[in-house]
Amino acid sequence: MADPEKLFIVNVVTPDGLIFSHHCSLVEMRAIDGQRSIMYNHLPILTPLTIGEIRVKRGREMNETVNHIAISGGYFEFSNNVATIIADSAERSTRINLSRAEAAKKRAQSELKKAKSMHDRRSIERAQVALRRAVNRISVYNSDN
């Protein structure tokens, strides 16, 4: 096991409460300006996140557990070796219902097609976001299985 003083805490919080809390050696995520990786003793940071995957490496060894979490945007804050992810919604890969995610993808694709035919910009944007969320959930599910 890794030296305990080289691990930090990561918490993932949604409006529904705390969904993930563990010690880890590395957190990777996609911020609005690109991919970020945070390790122990990183400088304090606050950055907005996009729809994407959070990867949490729970130890320093090559075969240590990696948790995958799908988020739909939010914020990442790191200070004093505590990482906090505040997300609009978040799901651990082990809790993603693949058939629901695939159904959401099909609905979003249908809505996108309908909105494009009507040239409704606002509906197009909403459908594109719904599609990105569904595709992200499917991708995160597949990354862990």
N, C-alpha and C. Protein backbone atom coordinates (compact mmCIF):
# COMPACT_ATOMS: atom_id res chain seq x y z
N MET A 1 0.85 -1.19 0.00
CA MET A 1 0.00 0.00 0.00
C MET A 1 0.88 1.24 0.00
N ALA A 2 0.37 2.30 -0.57
CA ALA A 2 1.12 3.55 -0.65
C ALA A 2 1.31 4.15 0.74
N ASP A 3 2.33 4.96 0.87
CA ASP A 3 2.60 5.68 2.10
C ASP A 3 1.39 6.57 2.40
N PRO A 4 0.74 6.41 3.57
CA PRO A 4 -0.51 7.14 3.83
C PRO A 4 -0.39 8.65 3.71
N GLU A 5 0.77 9.22 4.01
CA GLU A 5 0.88 10.67 3.93
C GLU A 5 0.99 11.18 2.49
N LYS A 6 1.04 10.28 1.52
CA LYS A 6 1.08 10.69 0.12
C LYS A 6 -0.29 10.54 -0.54
N LEU A 7 -1.31 10.20 0.24
CA LEU A 7 -2.67 10.09 -0.27
C LEU A 7 -3.46 11.32 0.16
N PHE A 8 -4.50 11.65 -0.59
CA PHE A 8 -5.38 12.74 -0.22
C PHE A 8 -6.82 12.28 -0.35
N ILE A 9 -7.73 13.08 0.15
CA ILE A 9 -9.14 12.72 0.14
C ILE A 9 -9.81 13.33 -1.08
N VAL A 10 -10.69 12.55 -1.71
CA VAL A 10 -11.52 13.08 -2.79
C VAL A 10 -12.98 12.82 -2.43
N ASN A 11 -13.79 13.86 -2.56
CA ASN A 11 -15.23 13.78 -2.30
C ASN A 11 -15.98 14.23 -3.54
N VAL A 12 -17.01 13.49 -3.92
CA VAL A 12 -17.89 13.88 -5.02
C VAL A 12 -19.27 14.13 -4.43
N VAL A 13 -19.76 15.36 -4.61
CA VAL A 13 -21.01 15.78 -4.02
C VAL A 13 -21.96 16.25 -5.12
N THR A 14 -23.23 15.86 -5.00
CA THR A 14 -24.28 16.32 -5.91
C THR A 14 -25.38 16.94 -5.06
N PRO A 15 -26.40 17.52 -5.68
CA PRO A 15 -27.52 18.03 -4.88
C PRO A 15 -28.18 16.93 -4.03
N ASP A 16 -27.99 15.67 -4.42
CA ASP A 16 -28.56 14.55 -3.65
C ASP A 16 -27.67 14.13 -2.49
N GLY A 17 -26.48 14.70 -2.37
CA GLY A 17 -25.58 14.38 -1.26
C GLY A 17 -24.25 13.82 -1.73
N LEU A 18 -23.50 13.29 -0.78
CA LEU A 18 -22.17 12.72 -1.04
C LEU A 18 -22.32 11.37 -1.72
N ILE A 19 -21.72 11.21 -2.90
CA ILE A 19 -21.83 9.93 -3.60
C ILE A 19 -20.52 9.15 -3.62
N PHE A 20 -19.41 9.83 -3.26
CA PHE A 20 -18.11 9.15 -3.30
C PHE A 20 -17.17 9.87 -2.35
N SER A 21 -16.44 9.11 -1.54
CA SER A 21 -15.45 9.69 -0.65
C SER A 21 -14.40 8.63 -0.34
N HIS A 22 -13.14 8.87 -0.76
CA HIS A 22 -12.06 7.91 -0.53
C HIS A 22 -10.72 8.64 -0.48
N HIS A 23 -9.73 7.96 0.04
CA HIS A 23 -8.35 8.41 -0.08
C HIS A 23 -7.85 7.98 -1.45
N CYS A 24 -7.00 8.78 -2.06
CA CYS A 24 -6.50 8.42 -3.38
C CYS A 24 -5.13 9.04 -3.61
N SER A 25 -4.49 8.60 -4.69
CA SER A 25 -3.19 9.15 -5.06
C SER A 25 -3.27 10.04 -6.30
N LEU A 26 -4.37 9.92 -7.07
CA LEU A 26 -4.51 10.67 -8.33
C LEU A 26 -5.98 10.83 -8.68
N VAL A 27 -6.34 12.03 -9.13
CA VAL A 27 -7.67 12.29 -9.68
C VAL A 27 -7.47 12.90 -11.05
N GLU A 28 -8.18 12.36 -12.04
CA GLU A 28 -8.12 12.91 -13.40
C GLU A 28 -9.53 13.33 -13.82
N MET A 29 -9.62 14.46 -14.49
CA MET A 29 -10.91 14.97 -14.94
C MET A 29 -10.72 15.89 -16.13
N ARG A 30 -11.83 16.23 -16.78
CA ARG A 30 -11.78 17.19 -17.89
C ARG A 30 -12.39 18.50 -17.42
N ALA A 31 -11.53 19.51 -17.35
CA ALA A 31 -11.98 20.87 -17.05
C ALA A 31 -12.40 21.52 -18.37
N ILE A 32 -13.00 22.70 -18.28
CA ILE A 32 -13.45 23.34 -19.52
C ILE A 32 -12.28 23.72 -20.42
N ASP A 33 -11.08 23.83 -19.85
CA ASP A 33 -9.91 24.19 -20.66
C ASP A 33 -8.97 23.01 -20.91
N GLY A 34 -9.41 21.79 -20.61
CA GLY A 34 -8.60 20.62 -20.93
C GLY A 34 -8.50 19.63 -19.78
N GLN A 35 -7.78 18.56 -20.06
CA GLN A 35 -7.62 17.48 -19.10
C GLN A 35 -6.75 17.92 -17.92
N ARG A 36 -7.13 17.50 -16.71
CA ARG A 36 -6.37 17.82 -15.50
C ARG A 36 -6.09 16.55 -14.72
N SER A 37 -4.92 16.48 -14.11
CA SER A 37 -4.54 15.41 -13.20
C SER A 37 -4.03 16.06 -11.93
N ILE A 38 -4.53 15.62 -10.80
CA ILE A 38 -4.18 16.21 -9.51
C ILE A 38 -3.58 15.13 -8.63
N MET A 39 -2.45 15.45 -8.01
CA MET A 39 -1.79 14.53 -7.08
C MET A 39 -1.60 15.23 -5.74
N TYR A 40 -1.13 14.47 -4.79
CA TYR A 40 -0.86 14.95 -3.43
C TYR A 40 -0.03 16.24 -3.48
N ASN A 41 -0.39 17.19 -2.64
CA ASN A 41 0.30 18.47 -2.49
C ASN A 41 0.22 19.39 -3.71
N HIS A 42 -0.74 19.17 -4.58
CA HIS A 42 -0.95 20.07 -5.72
C HIS A 42 -1.30 21.46 -5.17
N LEU A 43 -0.95 22.48 -5.90
CA LEU A 43 -1.33 23.82 -5.51
C LEU A 43 -2.85 23.94 -5.48
N PRO A 44 -3.40 24.81 -4.66
CA PRO A 44 -4.85 25.01 -4.64
C PRO A 44 -5.36 25.40 -6.03
N ILE A 45 -6.53 24.86 -6.36
CA ILE A 45 -7.12 25.12 -7.68
C ILE A 45 -8.64 25.07 -7.56
N LEU A 46 -9.30 25.88 -8.35
CA LEU A 46 -10.74 25.84 -8.51
C LEU A 46 -11.00 25.97 -10.00
N THR A 47 -11.69 24.98 -10.57
CA THR A 47 -11.91 25.01 -12.01
C THR A 47 -13.26 24.39 -12.36
N PRO A 48 -13.95 24.96 -13.35
CA PRO A 48 -15.21 24.36 -13.80
C PRO A 48 -14.93 23.11 -14.64
N LEU A 49 -15.84 22.15 -14.54
CA LEU A 49 -15.71 20.87 -15.26
C LEU A 49 -16.76 20.75 -16.35
N THR A 50 -16.43 19.96 -17.36
CA THR A 50 -17.37 19.66 -18.43
C THR A 50 -18.03 18.31 -18.17
N ILE A 51 -18.96 17.95 -19.01
CA ILE A 51 -19.51 16.60 -18.98
C ILE A 51 -18.35 15.67 -19.26
N GLY A 52 -18.13 14.70 -18.40
CA GLY A 52 -17.00 13.81 -18.61
C GLY A 52 -16.86 12.77 -17.53
N GLU A 53 -15.69 12.16 -17.53
CA GLU A 53 -15.38 11.09 -16.59
C GLU A 53 -14.37 11.57 -15.56
N ILE A 54 -14.61 11.20 -14.32
CA ILE A 54 -13.64 11.40 -13.25
C ILE A 54 -13.01 10.05 -13.00
N ARG A 55 -11.67 10.00 -12.99
CA ARG A 55 -10.95 8.75 -12.67
C ARG A 55 -10.21 8.98 -11.36
N VAL A 56 -10.45 8.11 -10.41
CA VAL A 56 -9.83 8.21 -9.09
C VAL A 56 -8.98 6.97 -8.87
N LYS A 57 -7.67 7.17 -8.80
CA LYS A 57 -6.75 6.07 -8.52
C LYS A 57 -6.56 6.00 -7.02
N ARG A 58 -6.94 4.86 -6.43
CA ARG A 58 -7.01 4.78 -4.98
C ARG A 58 -5.73 4.30 -4.32
N GLY A 59 -4.63 4.22 -5.04
CA GLY A 59 -3.34 3.87 -4.46
C GLY A 59 -2.23 4.19 -5.43
N ARG A 60 -0.99 3.97 -5.03
CA ARG A 60 0.15 4.30 -5.88
C ARG A 60 0.65 3.11 -6.69
N GLU A 61 0.25 1.91 -6.34
CA GLU A 61 0.72 0.72 -7.04
C GLU A 61 0.03 0.62 -8.40
N MET A 62 0.70 -0.05 -9.35
CA MET A 62 0.16 -0.18 -10.71
C MET A 62 -1.19 -0.91 -10.73
N ASN A 63 -1.39 -1.85 -9.82
CA ASN A 63 -2.62 -2.65 -9.85
C ASN A 63 -3.68 -2.13 -8.88
N GLU A 64 -3.53 -0.92 -8.39
CA GLU A 64 -4.50 -0.37 -7.45
C GLU A 64 -5.82 -0.08 -8.16
N THR A 65 -6.86 -0.01 -7.37
CA THR A 65 -8.21 0.23 -7.86
C THR A 65 -8.34 1.62 -8.50
N VAL A 66 -9.02 1.67 -9.63
CA VAL A 66 -9.38 2.93 -10.25
C VAL A 66 -10.90 2.99 -10.30
N ASN A 67 -11.48 4.03 -9.72
CA ASN A 67 -12.92 4.24 -9.77
C ASN A 67 -13.24 5.20 -10.90
N HIS A 68 -14.32 4.91 -11.61
CA HIS A 68 -14.77 5.75 -12.73
C HIS A 68 -16.12 6.34 -12.35
N ILE A 69 -16.25 7.65 -12.55
CA ILE A 69 -17.47 8.35 -12.18
C ILE A 69 -17.87 9.26 -13.35
N ALA A 70 -19.12 9.13 -13.79
CA ALA A 70 -19.65 10.00 -14.85
C ALA A 70 -20.24 11.24 -14.19
N ILE A 71 -19.84 12.42 -14.67
CA ILE A 71 -20.43 13.66 -14.16
C ILE A 71 -20.98 14.47 -15.32
N SER A 72 -21.93 15.34 -14.99
CA SER A 72 -22.55 16.17 -16.03
C SER A 72 -22.16 17.62 -15.88
N GLY A 73 -20.93 17.85 -15.46
CA GLY A 73 -20.45 19.21 -15.27
C GLY A 73 -20.43 19.55 -13.79
N GLY A 74 -19.81 20.65 -13.48
CA GLY A 74 -19.72 21.08 -12.09
C GLY A 74 -18.43 21.81 -11.85
N TYR A 75 -17.90 21.68 -10.62
CA TYR A 75 -16.66 22.36 -10.24
C TYR A 75 -15.74 21.41 -9.49
N PHE A 76 -14.44 21.64 -9.66
CA PHE A 76 -13.41 20.90 -8.93
C PHE A 76 -12.63 21.90 -8.10
N GLU A 77 -12.48 21.57 -6.81
CA GLU A 77 -11.71 22.42 -5.91
C GLU A 77 -10.71 21.54 -5.17
N PHE A 78 -9.47 22.02 -5.07
CA PHE A 78 -8.44 21.28 -4.34
C PHE A 78 -7.68 22.26 -3.47
N SER A 79 -7.61 21.92 -2.18
CA SER A 79 -6.77 22.67 -1.25
C SER A 79 -6.55 21.82 -0.01
N ASN A 80 -5.39 22.00 0.61
CA ASN A 80 -5.03 21.26 1.82
C ASN A 80 -5.21 19.75 1.66
N ASN A 81 -4.88 19.24 0.48
CA ASN A 81 -4.96 17.82 0.17
C ASN A 81 -6.35 17.23 0.34
N VAL A 82 -7.34 18.04 0.00
CA VAL A 82 -8.73 17.58 -0.09
C VAL A 82 -9.26 18.04 -1.44
N ALA A 83 -9.71 17.08 -2.24
CA ALA A 83 -10.32 17.39 -3.54
C ALA A 83 -11.83 17.27 -3.38
N THR A 84 -12.54 18.28 -3.83
CA THR A 84 -14.00 18.26 -3.78
C THR A 84 -14.53 18.52 -5.18
N ILE A 85 -15.37 17.61 -5.63
CA ILE A 85 -16.03 17.76 -6.91
C ILE A 85 -17.50 18.00 -6.62
N ILE A 86 -17.99 19.16 -7.03
CA ILE A 86 -19.40 19.49 -6.86
C ILE A 86 -20.01 19.38 -8.26
N ALA A 87 -20.85 18.38 -8.44
CA ALA A 87 -21.39 18.08 -9.76
C ALA A 87 -22.90 18.22 -9.78
N ASP A 88 -23.42 18.61 -10.95
CA ASP A 88 -24.87 18.67 -11.14
C ASP A 88 -25.48 17.28 -10.93
N SER A 89 -24.82 16.29 -11.51
CA SER A 89 -25.18 14.89 -11.29
C SER A 89 -23.91 14.06 -11.47
N ALA A 90 -23.87 12.94 -10.78
CA ALA A 90 -22.70 12.06 -10.84
C ALA A 90 -23.16 10.63 -10.58
N GLU A 91 -22.54 9.69 -11.29
CA GLU A 91 -22.84 8.28 -11.11
C GLU A 91 -21.56 7.47 -11.18
N ARG A 92 -21.35 6.63 -10.19
CA ARG A 92 -20.24 5.69 -10.25
C ARG A 92 -20.53 4.69 -11.35
N SER A 93 -19.49 4.23 -12.04
CA SER A 93 -19.68 3.31 -13.17
C SER A 93 -20.45 2.06 -12.76
N THR A 94 -20.25 1.61 -11.53
CA THR A 94 -20.93 0.39 -11.06
C THR A 94 -22.42 0.59 -10.85
N ARG A 95 -22.87 1.83 -10.82
CA ARG A 95 -24.30 2.12 -10.60
C ARG A 95 -25.03 2.59 -11.85
N ILE A 96 -24.32 2.69 -12.96
CA ILE A 96 -24.94 3.14 -14.20
C ILE A 96 -25.79 2.02 -14.79
N ASN A 97 -27.03 2.34 -15.10
CA ASN A 97 -27.93 1.39 -15.74
C ASN A 97 -27.74 1.57 -17.25
N LEU A 98 -27.06 0.61 -17.88
CA LEU A 98 -26.70 0.74 -19.29
C LEU A 98 -27.92 0.85 -20.19
N SER A 99 -28.95 0.07 -19.94
CA SER A 99 -30.13 0.13 -20.81
C SER A 99 -30.81 1.49 -20.70
N ARG A 100 -30.84 2.08 -19.50
CA ARG A 100 -31.40 3.43 -19.35
C ARG A 100 -30.56 4.45 -20.08
N ALA A 101 -29.23 4.32 -20.00
CA ALA A 101 -28.33 5.26 -20.68
C ALA A 101 -28.48 5.15 -22.20
N GLU A 102 -28.61 3.94 -22.70
CA GLU A 102 -28.79 3.76 -24.15
C GLU A 102 -30.14 4.30 -24.61
N ALA A 103 -31.18 4.13 -23.79
CA ALA A 103 -32.50 4.69 -24.12
C ALA A 103 -32.43 6.22 -24.13
N ALA A 104 -31.71 6.80 -23.18
CA ALA A 104 -31.55 8.26 -23.14
C ALA A 104 -30.81 8.76 -24.37
N LYS A 105 -29.82 7.99 -24.81
CA LYS A 105 -29.08 8.35 -26.02
C LYS A 105 -30.00 8.37 -27.23
N LYS A 106 -30.83 7.34 -27.37
CA LYS A 106 -31.76 7.27 -28.51
C LYS A 106 -32.76 8.42 -28.47
N ARG A 107 -33.29 8.73 -27.26
CA ARG A 107 -34.22 9.87 -27.13
C ARG A 107 -33.55 11.16 -27.53
N ALA A 108 -32.32 11.36 -27.08
CA ALA A 108 -31.60 12.60 -27.40
C ALA A 108 -31.33 12.71 -28.89
N GLN A 109 -30.96 11.60 -29.52
CA GLN A 109 -30.73 11.61 -30.97
C GLN A 109 -32.00 11.95 -31.72
N SER A 110 -33.12 11.41 -31.27
CA SER A 110 -34.41 11.69 -31.89
C SER A 110 -34.79 13.16 -31.71
N GLU A 111 -34.60 13.68 -30.49
CA GLU A 111 -34.90 15.09 -30.23
C GLU A 111 -34.00 16.01 -31.04
N LEU A 112 -32.74 15.63 -31.18
CA LEU A 112 -31.80 16.43 -31.96
C LEU A 112 -32.23 16.49 -33.42
N LYS A 113 -32.60 15.36 -33.96
CA LYS A 113 -33.05 15.31 -35.36
C LYS A 113 -34.29 16.18 -35.55
N LYS A 114 -35.23 16.07 -34.61
CA LYS A 114 -36.47 16.85 -34.69
C LYS A 114 -36.16 18.35 -34.59
N ALA A 115 -35.29 18.74 -33.66
CA ALA A 115 -34.96 20.15 -33.46
C ALA A 115 -34.24 20.71 -34.68
N LYS A 116 -33.36 19.90 -35.29
CA LYS A 116 -32.66 20.38 -36.49
C LYS A 116 -33.63 20.60 -37.64
N SER A 117 -34.60 19.71 -37.78
CA SER A 117 -35.57 19.87 -38.87
C SER A 117 -36.42 21.12 -38.68
N MET A 118 -36.61 21.52 -37.42
CA MET A 118 -37.40 22.71 -37.12
C MET A 118 -36.54 23.97 -37.00
N HIS A 119 -35.21 23.80 -37.11
CA HIS A 119 -34.26 24.90 -36.98
C HIS A 119 -34.43 25.65 -35.65
N ASP A 120 -34.69 24.88 -34.60
CA ASP A 120 -34.89 25.43 -33.26
C ASP A 120 -33.56 25.35 -32.50
N ARG A 121 -32.86 26.46 -32.48
CA ARG A 121 -31.51 26.50 -31.90
C ARG A 121 -31.49 26.08 -30.43
N ARG A 122 -32.41 26.57 -29.64
CA ARG A 122 -32.45 26.24 -28.21
C ARG A 122 -32.69 24.74 -27.99
N SER A 123 -33.60 24.16 -28.75
CA SER A 123 -33.87 22.72 -28.64
C SER A 123 -32.69 21.90 -29.13
N ILE A 124 -32.00 22.40 -30.14
CA ILE A 124 -30.80 21.71 -30.64
C ILE A 124 -29.75 21.66 -29.53
N GLU A 125 -29.52 22.78 -28.87
CA GLU A 125 -28.53 22.83 -27.79
C GLU A 125 -28.89 21.91 -26.64
N ARG A 126 -30.17 21.89 -26.25
CA ARG A 126 -30.61 21.00 -25.16
C ARG A 126 -30.42 19.53 -25.55
N ALA A 127 -30.77 19.19 -26.77
CA ALA A 127 -30.63 17.81 -27.23
C ALA A 127 -29.16 17.40 -27.32
N GLN A 128 -28.30 18.32 -27.73
CA GLN A 128 -26.87 18.02 -27.80
C GLN A 128 -26.30 17.75 -26.40
N VAL A 129 -26.72 18.52 -25.41
CA VAL A 129 -26.26 18.30 -24.04
C VAL A 129 -26.77 16.95 -23.53
N ALA A 130 -28.04 16.66 -23.77
CA ALA A 130 -28.59 15.37 -23.34
C ALA A 130 -27.85 14.21 -24.01
N LEU A 131 -27.51 14.37 -25.27
CA LEU A 131 -26.77 13.33 -25.99
C LEU A 131 -25.37 13.16 -25.41
N ARG A 132 -24.67 14.27 -25.12
CA ARG A 132 -23.33 14.16 -24.52
C ARG A 132 -23.38 13.48 -23.16
N ARG A 133 -24.40 13.78 -22.37
CA ARG A 133 -24.54 13.14 -21.06
C ARG A 133 -24.76 11.64 -21.20
N ALA A 134 -25.63 11.25 -22.11
CA ALA A 134 -25.92 9.83 -22.31
C ALA A 134 -24.69 9.09 -22.82
N VAL A 135 -24.00 9.66 -23.80
CA VAL A 135 -22.80 9.04 -24.36
C VAL A 135 -21.72 8.93 -23.28
N ASN A 136 -21.60 9.94 -22.44
CA ASN A 136 -20.62 9.91 -21.35
C ASN A 136 -20.94 8.77 -20.38
N ARG A 137 -22.20 8.62 -20.00
CA ARG A 137 -22.58 7.55 -19.07
C ARG A 137 -22.27 6.18 -19.68
N ILE A 138 -22.53 6.00 -20.96
CA ILE A 138 -22.23 4.73 -21.63
C ILE A 138 -20.73 4.49 -21.65
N SER A 139 -19.97 5.52 -21.97
CA SER A 139 -18.51 5.40 -22.02
C SER A 139 -17.92 5.06 -20.67
N VAL A 140 -18.40 5.71 -19.61
CA VAL A 140 -17.89 5.44 -18.26
C VAL A 140 -18.27 4.02 -17.84
N TYR A 141 -19.48 3.61 -18.15
CA TYR A 141 -19.89 2.23 -17.84
C TYR A 141 -18.93 1.24 -18.52
N ASN A 142 -18.65 1.48 -19.81
CA ASN A 142 -17.79 0.57 -20.56
C ASN A 142 -16.34 0.61 -20.11
N SER A 143 -15.88 1.73 -19.55
CA SER A 143 -14.49 1.82 -19.11
C SER A 143 -14.21 0.96 -17.89
N ASP A 144 -15.25 0.59 -17.18
CA ASP A 144 -15.10 -0.19 -15.96
C ASP A 144 -15.51 -1.64 -16.14
N ASN A 145 -16.02 -2.01 -17.29
CA ASN A 145 -16.50 -3.38 -17.52
C ASN A 145 -15.76 -4.06 -18.66
